[in-house]
N, C-alpha and C. Protein backbone atom coordinates (compact mmCIF):
# COMPACT_ATOMS: atom_id res chain seq x y z
N MET A 1 -28.69 1.36 12.86
CA MET A 1 -27.65 2.25 13.26
C MET A 1 -27.54 2.65 12.03
N SER A 2 -26.96 4.04 12.32
CA SER A 2 -26.67 4.79 11.23
C SER A 2 -25.45 3.76 10.48
N TYR A 3 -25.33 4.56 9.08
CA TYR A 3 -24.03 4.32 8.11
C TYR A 3 -22.51 4.43 8.83
N PRO A 4 -22.50 5.45 8.78
CA PRO A 4 -20.95 5.65 9.53
C PRO A 4 -20.82 4.72 11.10
N GLU A 5 -21.67 4.04 11.57
CA GLU A 5 -21.78 2.98 12.51
C GLU A 5 -21.42 2.08 11.48
N LYS A 6 -22.73 1.28 10.29
CA LYS A 6 -21.72 0.04 9.96
C LYS A 6 -20.65 0.08 9.45
N VAL A 7 -20.84 1.38 8.59
CA VAL A 7 -19.42 0.96 7.91
C VAL A 7 -17.23 0.60 8.88
N LEU A 8 -17.96 1.45 10.75
CA LEU A 8 -17.05 1.18 11.51
C LEU A 8 -17.54 -0.33 12.39
N SER A 9 -18.23 -0.42 11.95
CA SER A 9 -18.67 -1.86 12.42
C SER A 9 -17.89 -2.87 11.84
N ARG A 10 -17.64 -2.67 10.41
CA ARG A 10 -16.95 -3.50 9.44
C ARG A 10 -15.83 -3.42 10.09
N ILE A 11 -15.35 -1.28 9.48
CA ILE A 11 -13.82 -1.80 9.57
C ILE A 11 -13.24 -2.43 10.95
N LEU A 12 -13.30 -2.27 12.24
CA LEU A 12 -13.02 -2.83 13.50
C LEU A 12 -13.55 -4.83 13.54
N ASP A 13 -13.76 -5.25 12.60
CA ASP A 13 -13.91 -6.84 13.04
C ASP A 13 -12.75 -7.18 12.65
N PRO A 14 -12.17 -7.99 13.02
CA PRO A 14 -10.48 -8.71 13.19
C PRO A 14 -10.45 -9.12 11.83
N GLY A 15 -11.22 -10.15 11.38
CA GLY A 15 -10.97 -10.56 9.88
C GLY A 15 -9.96 -9.53 8.99
N ILE A 16 -11.22 -8.32 8.88
CA ILE A 16 -9.93 -7.02 8.51
C ILE A 16 -8.96 -6.79 8.51
N ALA A 17 -8.87 -6.81 10.03
CA ALA A 17 -7.26 -6.34 11.02
C ALA A 17 -6.31 -7.71 10.09
N LEU A 18 -7.12 -8.65 9.79
CA LEU A 18 -5.79 -9.89 9.71
C LEU A 18 -5.65 -9.99 8.53
N ILE A 19 -5.97 -9.48 7.98
CA ILE A 19 -6.50 -9.59 6.05
C ILE A 19 -5.37 -8.63 5.96
N ALA A 20 -5.11 -7.48 7.27
CA ALA A 20 -4.28 -6.09 6.58
C ALA A 20 -3.51 -6.34 7.04
N VAL A 21 -3.41 -7.05 8.10
CA VAL A 21 -2.23 -6.65 8.86
C VAL A 21 -1.25 -8.08 7.70
N GLY A 22 -1.76 -9.16 7.42
CA GLY A 22 -1.58 -10.24 6.76
C GLY A 22 -0.68 -9.44 5.32
N ALA A 23 -0.84 -8.68 4.62
CA ALA A 23 -1.00 -8.15 3.64
C ALA A 23 0.23 -7.56 3.65
N VAL A 24 0.51 -6.09 4.14
CA VAL A 24 1.33 -5.74 5.25
C VAL A 24 2.55 -6.65 5.58
N ALA A 25 2.43 -7.61 5.91
CA ALA A 25 3.86 -8.87 6.57
C ALA A 25 3.99 -9.77 4.84
N VAL A 26 2.95 -9.22 3.61
CA VAL A 26 3.68 -9.60 2.93
C VAL A 26 4.57 -8.64 1.58
N PHE A 27 4.14 -7.17 1.91
CA PHE A 27 3.97 -6.69 1.31
C PHE A 27 5.87 -6.20 1.58
N LEU A 28 6.07 -6.09 2.74
CA LEU A 28 7.28 -4.99 3.20
C LEU A 28 8.28 -6.66 3.49
N SER A 29 7.80 -7.96 3.78
CA SER A 29 8.84 -8.77 4.04
C SER A 29 10.28 -8.79 3.37
N GLU A 30 10.32 -7.76 2.50
CA GLU A 30 11.91 -7.52 1.40
C GLU A 30 12.42 -6.30 2.77
N ARG A 31 12.33 -5.29 3.72
CA ARG A 31 12.80 -4.11 4.56
C ARG A 31 12.37 -5.20 5.49
N ILE A 32 12.08 -6.58 5.96
CA ILE A 32 11.98 -6.90 7.04
C ILE A 32 13.43 -7.22 7.76
N THR A 33 13.73 -8.70 5.97
CA THR A 33 14.83 -9.15 6.04
C THR A 33 16.20 -8.66 6.05
N ARG A 34 15.81 -7.11 5.59
CA ARG A 34 17.44 -6.69 4.75
C ARG A 34 18.20 -6.71 5.52
N GLY A 35 17.86 -7.01 7.01
CA GLY A 35 19.40 -7.28 7.81
C GLY A 35 20.26 -8.06 8.11
N ILE A 36 20.14 -9.12 7.50
CA ILE A 36 19.72 -10.29 7.58
C ILE A 36 21.75 -10.72 6.05
N ALA A 37 22.57 -10.71 6.56
CA ALA A 37 23.58 -10.84 6.22
C ALA A 37 23.67 -11.72 4.71
N ASP A 38 23.34 -13.40 4.96
CA ASP A 38 24.06 -14.05 4.07
C ASP A 38 22.05 -14.17 3.13
N GLU A 39 22.73 -13.89 1.41
CA GLU A 39 21.34 -14.14 0.87
C GLU A 39 20.06 -14.84 0.63
N LYS A 40 21.27 -16.53 1.23
CA LYS A 40 20.86 -17.29 1.25
C LYS A 40 20.15 -17.40 2.48
N HIS A 41 20.05 -17.38 3.39
CA HIS A 41 19.30 -17.58 4.53
C HIS A 41 18.06 -16.40 5.20
N ARG A 42 18.50 -14.86 4.05
CA ARG A 42 17.63 -13.67 3.42
C ARG A 42 16.19 -14.41 3.44
N ALA A 43 16.69 -14.83 1.84
CA ALA A 43 15.42 -15.50 1.15
C ALA A 43 15.08 -16.40 1.43
N THR A 44 15.20 -17.49 2.80
CA THR A 44 14.55 -17.78 2.82
C THR A 44 13.63 -16.97 4.54
N ALA A 45 14.75 -16.64 4.96
CA ALA A 45 13.06 -15.62 5.51
C ALA A 45 11.97 -14.85 4.76
N ASN A 46 12.83 -14.35 4.29
CA ASN A 46 11.43 -13.49 3.14
C ASN A 46 10.62 -14.46 2.90
N THR A 47 11.16 -15.66 2.00
CA THR A 47 10.09 -16.68 1.79
C THR A 47 9.07 -16.70 3.59
N ALA A 48 9.30 -17.31 4.85
CA ALA A 48 8.76 -17.48 5.67
C ALA A 48 7.55 -16.01 5.99
N ILE A 49 8.18 -15.42 5.92
CA ILE A 49 7.91 -14.06 6.26
C ILE A 49 6.59 -13.97 5.30
N LYS A 50 6.37 -14.05 3.47
CA LYS A 50 5.09 -13.88 2.92
C LYS A 50 3.68 -15.66 3.11
N ALA A 51 5.01 -16.43 3.26
CA ALA A 51 4.38 -17.24 3.91
C ALA A 51 2.93 -17.90 4.84
N ALA A 52 3.49 -16.48 5.75
CA ALA A 52 2.93 -16.43 7.35
C ALA A 52 2.17 -15.46 7.58
N GLY A 53 2.32 -14.44 6.21
CA GLY A 53 1.25 -13.28 6.37
C GLY A 53 -0.09 -14.09 4.78
N LEU A 54 0.42 -14.88 4.01
CA LEU A 54 -0.92 -15.51 3.49
C LEU A 54 -1.72 -16.23 4.16
N VAL A 55 -1.30 -16.95 5.49
CA VAL A 55 -1.91 -17.89 6.47
C VAL A 55 -2.82 -16.91 7.36
N VAL A 56 -2.22 -15.67 7.52
CA VAL A 56 -3.08 -14.39 9.05
C VAL A 56 -3.86 -14.15 7.85
N ALA A 57 -3.34 -13.54 6.19
CA ALA A 57 -5.05 -13.62 5.25
C ALA A 57 -6.26 -14.22 5.10
N ILE A 58 -5.14 -15.93 4.99
CA ILE A 58 -6.13 -15.67 4.88
C ILE A 58 -7.12 -16.74 6.75
N ILE A 59 -6.79 -16.46 7.27
CA ILE A 59 -7.59 -17.10 8.34
C ILE A 59 -8.19 -16.02 9.04
N GLY A 60 -7.96 -14.63 8.17
CA GLY A 60 -8.69 -12.96 8.50
C GLY A 60 -9.69 -13.03 7.62
N ALA A 61 -9.66 -13.90 6.82
CA ALA A 61 -10.63 -14.00 5.38
C ALA A 61 -11.75 -15.50 5.85
N VAL A 62 -11.43 -15.46 6.39
CA VAL A 62 -12.38 -17.02 6.87
C VAL A 62 -12.72 -16.14 8.11
N LEU A 63 -12.82 -15.53 9.01
CA LEU A 63 -13.46 -15.29 9.82
C LEU A 63 -14.95 -13.93 9.15
N LEU A 64 -13.92 -13.03 8.39
CA LEU A 64 -14.80 -12.74 7.84
C LEU A 64 -15.83 -12.51 7.26
N PHE A 65 -15.52 -14.51 6.41
CA PHE A 65 -17.03 -14.54 5.53
C PHE A 65 -17.35 -15.63 6.76
N THR A 66 -17.85 -15.74 8.39
CA THR A 66 -17.93 -16.61 8.82
C THR A 66 -19.44 -15.92 9.01
């Protein structure tokens, strides 16, 4: 297998995709919750999205390293 094929096979691994999705969810959680009018509910939703992103990224890391 050539080097580009090895890189592509590593990038297409589901673990990498889950880590990327989790990181994007954590990074964009403020923008995702911008439409919520109540500040208390916005903070709760923001924290929930960040926690879900963390869980997804951890699952991706476990898949990647097993």
